[in-house]
Amino acid sequence: MDSPPAPARNSASGTRPEGAQGEREAAARVREMFGRIAPRYDFLNHLLSFSFDRVWRRRTALRFRHILARPEARVLDLCCGTGDLALALNREAGKRGAQIFGADFVHEMVLRARQKSELQSSALYLEADALTLPFADDSFELVTAAFGFRNLTNYRRGLEEIHRVLRPGGEVGILEFSKPPGSFFGALYRLYFTQILPRVGGAVSGSAEAYAYLPSSVSRFPLGDELAGLMREVGFADVSFETWTGGIVALHTARKL
């Protein structure tokens, strides 16, 4: 659905782990948290989402197959974590399709992505901060991010960097958690997401802080029309979003003129 313009909440700010003062400290806290949970990250993603995360990433890759099928295309998966979306993009691209790059600023995540890629894909990974990408202007036909964009310490600057590195006509896809509507399913999901998930995630990963941070980061993140409005402010066109699985996640898409 194409959404009407809307002002974006927290448009000049981003994630703030509890107690973090300013962007620099917030970024350091996020990097440390995700580095700590990297060994159990994939297992917990699949467990806590009941493996729907695989479906969501696959569906995102299918949405951009018109780009992925092009051998000359370059695709950047931003905040790539251990590389699951990059792998899905690479599978859709095949041997004759686009070249896939993954970038993340957490060293431990990039190492795991590279280990998986050696066996499963030709994707290339590098350590890079999404707010200061080491790429020239107009470098990619597609930029994606799955469940990582909300961890940026400045959402507007993150969108500006995506816009900068996209070529004219290039597209962006941001897959993130949302908030399901409805009194019954919405309430049931909130109970799971704010009470059960943090406890299970904390116990299995050994980091209660990281999985307490998850619901708080979603509550701060501009959702739906708010994120769409911010994307328009930055300069994107054809901005739209759709929700999946009862509203648990949303995929925002747009194009650079």
Protein backbone atom coordinates (compact mmCIF):
# COMPACT_ATOMS: atom_id res chain seq x y z
CA MET A 1 0.00 0.00 0.00
CA ASP A 2 1.21 3.50 -0.75
CA SER A 3 1.12 5.54 2.43
CA PRO A 4 0.44 9.28 2.73
CA PRO A 5 3.19 11.61 3.98
CA ALA A 6 3.54 11.69 7.74
CA PRO A 7 5.97 13.38 10.12
CA ALA A 8 8.60 11.02 11.54
CA ARG A 9 9.06 10.52 15.25
CA ASN A 10 12.66 10.77 16.46
CA SER A 11 13.63 11.79 12.94
CA ALA A 12 16.99 13.20 14.01
CA SER A 13 17.79 10.49 16.52
CA GLY A 14 18.02 6.74 16.72
CA THR A 15 18.37 3.88 19.11
CA ARG A 16 19.43 4.52 22.70
CA PRO A 17 20.20 1.52 24.92
CA GLU A 18 19.19 2.25 28.51
CA GLY A 19 21.63 4.67 30.13
CA ALA A 20 23.48 5.56 26.92
CA GLN A 21 24.31 9.26 26.60
CA GLY A 22 24.57 10.42 23.00
CA GLU A 23 25.18 8.64 19.71
CA ARG A 24 28.76 7.57 20.33
CA GLU A 25 27.99 5.79 23.58
CA ALA A 26 24.83 4.27 22.12
CA ALA A 27 26.78 2.87 19.16
CA ALA A 28 29.44 1.40 21.45
CA ARG A 29 26.77 -0.26 23.58
CA VAL A 30 25.01 -1.74 20.54
CA ARG A 31 28.30 -3.05 19.12
CA GLU A 32 29.24 -4.66 22.42
CA MET A 33 25.82 -6.24 22.94
CA PHE A 34 25.66 -7.82 19.50
CA GLY A 35 29.25 -8.97 19.66
CA ARG A 36 28.43 -10.77 22.91
CA ILE A 37 25.39 -12.63 21.54
CA ALA A 38 26.90 -13.49 18.13
CA PRO A 39 27.56 -17.18 19.00
CA ARG A 40 23.85 -17.83 19.70
CA TYR A 41 22.39 -15.20 17.38
CA ASP A 42 21.21 -17.46 14.54
CA PHE A 43 19.83 -20.11 16.85
CA LEU A 44 17.82 -17.57 18.83
CA ASN A 45 16.55 -15.78 15.73
CA HIS A 46 15.03 -19.01 14.47
CA LEU A 47 13.82 -20.16 17.88
CA LEU A 48 12.21 -16.93 19.02
CA SER A 49 10.54 -16.24 15.67
CA PHE A 50 9.40 -19.87 15.26
CA SER A 51 11.53 -19.78 12.07
CA PHE A 52 9.35 -17.07 10.51
CA ASP A 53 12.53 -15.01 10.16
CA ARG A 54 13.59 -17.36 7.36
CA VAL A 55 10.27 -16.77 5.58
CA TRP A 56 10.51 -13.00 5.95
CA ARG A 57 14.03 -12.86 4.54
CA ARG A 58 13.14 -15.15 1.66
CA ARG A 59 10.09 -13.02 0.87
CA THR A 60 12.21 -9.88 0.91
CA ALA A 61 14.67 -11.43 -1.54
CA LEU A 62 11.83 -12.43 -3.86
CA ARG A 63 10.52 -8.87 -3.82
CA PHE A 64 13.75 -7.67 -5.44
CA ARG A 65 14.38 -10.51 -7.87
CA HIS A 66 14.04 -8.09 -10.81
CA ILE A 67 17.28 -6.48 -9.60
CA LEU A 68 18.97 -9.62 -8.30
CA ALA A 69 18.68 -11.34 -11.69
CA ARG A 70 20.83 -8.67 -13.35
CA PRO A 71 24.52 -9.71 -13.61
CA GLU A 72 25.75 -6.11 -13.60
CA ALA A 73 23.86 -5.18 -10.42
CA ARG A 74 25.60 -4.54 -7.09
CA VAL A 75 23.58 -5.11 -3.94
CA LEU A 76 24.42 -4.04 -0.38
CA ASP A 77 22.86 -5.76 2.63
CA LEU A 78 23.29 -3.23 5.42
CA CYS A 79 23.54 -4.20 9.11
CA CYS A 80 23.88 -7.72 7.77
CA GLY A 81 24.55 -9.50 11.07
CA THR A 82 25.53 -13.10 10.40
CA GLY A 83 24.49 -12.78 6.77
CA ASP A 84 21.12 -14.52 6.58
CA LEU A 85 19.48 -11.94 4.32
CA ALA A 86 22.62 -11.67 2.18
CA LEU A 87 22.46 -15.44 1.73
CA ALA A 88 18.80 -15.24 0.71
CA LEU A 89 19.63 -12.47 -1.76
CA ASN A 90 22.53 -14.50 -3.13
CA ARG A 91 20.34 -17.59 -3.61
CA GLU A 92 17.83 -15.51 -5.55
CA ALA A 93 20.59 -13.93 -7.65
CA GLY A 94 22.11 -17.30 -8.54
CA LYS A 95 25.48 -17.72 -10.19
CA ARG A 96 24.74 -15.28 -13.00
CA GLY A 97 22.96 -12.59 -11.05
CA ALA A 98 23.91 -9.62 -8.91
CA GLN A 99 27.00 -9.37 -6.71
CA ILE A 100 25.99 -9.27 -3.05
CA PHE A 101 27.89 -7.35 -0.38
CA GLY A 102 27.16 -7.44 3.34
CA ALA A 103 28.24 -4.79 5.84
CA ASP A 104 28.03 -4.66 9.62
CA PHE A 105 29.98 -2.77 12.28
CA VAL A 106 30.10 -5.72 14.71
CA HIS A 107 33.31 -7.69 14.15
CA GLU A 108 31.97 -10.96 15.55
CA MET A 109 28.92 -10.85 13.29
CA VAL A 110 31.00 -10.25 10.17
CA LEU A 111 33.28 -13.18 11.02
CA ARG A 112 30.28 -15.52 11.27
CA ALA A 113 28.81 -14.18 8.04
CA ARG A 114 32.09 -14.89 6.25
CA GLN A 115 32.24 -18.42 7.66
CA LYS A 116 28.73 -19.17 6.41
CA SER A 117 29.41 -17.58 3.04
CA GLU A 118 32.44 -19.77 2.38
CA LEU A 119 30.13 -22.77 2.17
CA GLN A 120 26.89 -21.31 0.87
CA SER A 121 27.40 -18.25 -1.32
CA SER A 122 29.66 -15.83 -3.15
CA ALA A 123 28.60 -12.84 -1.03
CA LEU A 124 31.38 -10.59 0.24
CA TYR A 125 31.39 -9.07 3.74
CA LEU A 126 33.13 -6.14 5.35
CA GLU A 127 33.09 -4.27 8.63
CA ALA A 128 31.51 -0.87 8.11
CA ASP A 129 29.43 1.66 10.01
CA ALA A 130 26.08 2.22 8.29
CA LEU A 131 26.29 5.94 9.12
CA THR A 132 29.65 6.41 7.34
CA LEU A 133 29.76 3.84 4.56
CA PRO A 134 33.10 3.34 2.75
CA PHE A 135 31.50 3.42 -0.69
CA ALA A 136 31.38 6.06 -3.40
CA ASP A 137 28.18 7.81 -4.36
CA ASP A 138 25.90 5.87 -6.73
CA SER A 139 27.51 2.47 -6.03
CA PHE A 140 24.54 0.08 -5.73
CA GLU A 141 21.31 -0.84 -7.47
CA LEU A 142 19.78 -2.13 -4.24
CA VAL A 143 20.34 -1.64 -0.51
CA THR A 144 18.54 -3.84 2.02
CA ALA A 145 18.45 -4.11 5.80
CA ALA A 146 16.71 -6.77 7.88
CA PHE A 147 16.15 -6.20 11.60
CA GLY A 148 19.22 -4.01 11.87
CA PHE A 149 18.25 -0.55 10.71
CA ARG A 150 16.47 0.22 14.00
CA ASN A 151 19.81 -0.27 15.80
CA LEU A 152 21.30 2.80 14.10
CA THR A 153 21.96 5.74 16.40
CA ASN A 154 20.63 8.20 13.82
CA TYR A 155 17.84 7.03 11.51
CA ARG A 156 17.89 10.08 9.27
CA ARG A 157 21.63 9.85 8.68
CA GLY A 158 21.29 6.14 7.96
CA LEU A 159 18.68 6.85 5.28
CA GLU A 160 20.84 9.63 3.86
CA GLU A 161 23.77 7.22 3.52
CA ILE A 162 21.56 4.65 1.80
CA HIS A 163 20.31 7.35 -0.56
CA ARG A 164 23.89 8.48 -1.24
CA VAL A 165 25.26 5.06 -2.19
CA LEU A 166 22.26 4.09 -4.34
CA ARG A 167 22.44 4.78 -8.05
CA PRO A 168 19.62 6.78 -9.64
CA GLY A 169 16.71 4.39 -10.04
CA GLY A 170 18.11 2.15 -7.30
CA GLU A 171 15.85 0.69 -4.64
CA VAL A 172 15.87 0.18 -0.90
CA GLY A 173 14.13 -2.41 1.26
CA ILE A 174 13.99 -2.12 5.06
CA LEU A 175 12.51 -5.11 6.91
CA GLU A 176 11.77 -4.42 10.57
CA PHE A 177 9.56 -5.42 13.45
CA SER A 178 6.24 -3.64 13.72
CA LYS A 179 3.32 -3.62 16.16
CA PRO A 180 0.39 -5.91 15.35
CA PRO A 181 -3.04 -4.25 15.60
CA GLY A 182 -6.07 -5.79 17.25
CA SER A 183 -7.03 -6.23 20.87
CA PHE A 184 -6.47 -9.99 21.02
CA PHE A 185 -3.54 -10.79 18.71
CA GLY A 186 -1.87 -7.47 19.47
CA ALA A 187 -2.10 -8.07 23.21
CA LEU A 188 -0.88 -11.65 22.87
CA TYR A 189 2.08 -10.55 20.77
CA ARG A 190 3.01 -7.76 23.20
CA LEU A 191 2.98 -10.25 26.07
CA TYR A 192 5.31 -12.56 24.17
CA PHE A 193 7.56 -9.81 22.84
CA THR A 194 7.99 -7.87 26.07
CA GLN A 195 7.84 -10.63 28.70
CA ILE A 196 8.60 -14.09 27.30
CA LEU A 197 11.08 -13.34 24.49
CA PRO A 198 13.48 -11.27 26.66
CA ARG A 199 13.58 -13.98 29.33
CA VAL A 200 14.21 -16.84 26.91
CA GLY A 201 16.69 -14.84 24.84
CA GLY A 202 18.56 -13.66 27.91
CA ALA A 203 18.76 -17.14 29.39
CA VAL A 204 19.97 -18.85 26.20
CA SER A 205 22.38 -16.11 25.07
CA GLY A 206 23.71 -15.25 28.52
CA SER A 207 22.91 -11.57 27.90
CA ALA A 208 19.74 -10.36 29.56
CA GLU A 209 20.62 -6.81 28.52
CA ALA A 210 20.60 -7.59 24.79
CA TYR A 211 17.18 -9.20 24.81
CA ALA A 212 15.68 -6.58 27.09
CA TYR A 213 16.98 -4.04 24.59
CA LEU A 214 15.09 -5.70 21.71
CA PRO A 215 11.52 -4.64 22.67
CA SER A 216 12.69 -1.22 23.81
CA SER A 217 14.41 -0.60 20.47
CA VAL A 218 11.23 -1.51 18.61
CA SER A 219 9.13 0.82 20.78
CA ARG A 220 11.47 3.71 19.91
CA PHE A 221 11.65 2.98 16.20
CA PRO A 222 9.44 5.04 13.82
CA LEU A 223 6.93 2.58 12.42
CA GLY A 224 4.70 2.51 9.36
CA ASP A 225 3.76 5.95 8.12
CA GLU A 226 6.41 7.56 10.34
CA LEU A 227 9.31 5.76 8.70
CA ALA A 228 7.73 6.26 5.28
CA GLY A 229 7.49 9.99 5.97
CA LEU A 230 11.14 10.15 6.98
CA MET A 231 12.16 8.31 3.81
CA ARG A 232 10.32 10.91 1.74
CA GLU A 233 11.98 13.75 3.65
CA VAL A 234 15.40 12.32 2.80
CA GLY A 235 14.50 12.27 -0.89
CA PHE A 236 13.16 8.81 -1.70
CA ALA A 237 10.28 8.39 -4.14
CA ASP A 238 7.63 5.69 -4.55
CA VAL A 239 7.74 5.02 -0.81
CA SER A 240 5.42 2.26 0.37
CA PHE A 241 5.21 -0.38 3.05
CA GLU A 242 3.33 -3.56 3.81
CA THR A 243 2.98 -5.64 6.95
CA TRP A 244 3.31 -9.41 7.15
CA THR A 245 2.32 -12.15 9.58
CA GLY A 246 -0.49 -10.23 11.24
CA GLY A 247 1.55 -7.04 11.46
CA ILE A 248 4.57 -8.49 13.28
CA VAL A 249 6.96 -7.16 10.64
CA ALA A 250 6.86 -4.49 7.94
CA LEU A 251 8.80 -4.12 4.70
CA HIS A 252 9.37 -0.53 3.59
CA THR A 253 10.45 -0.01 -0.01
CA ALA A 254 11.40 3.08 -2.02
CA ARG A 255 13.35 4.28 -5.04
CA LYS A 256 16.03 6.91 -5.60
CA LEU A 257 15.12 9.31 -8.38
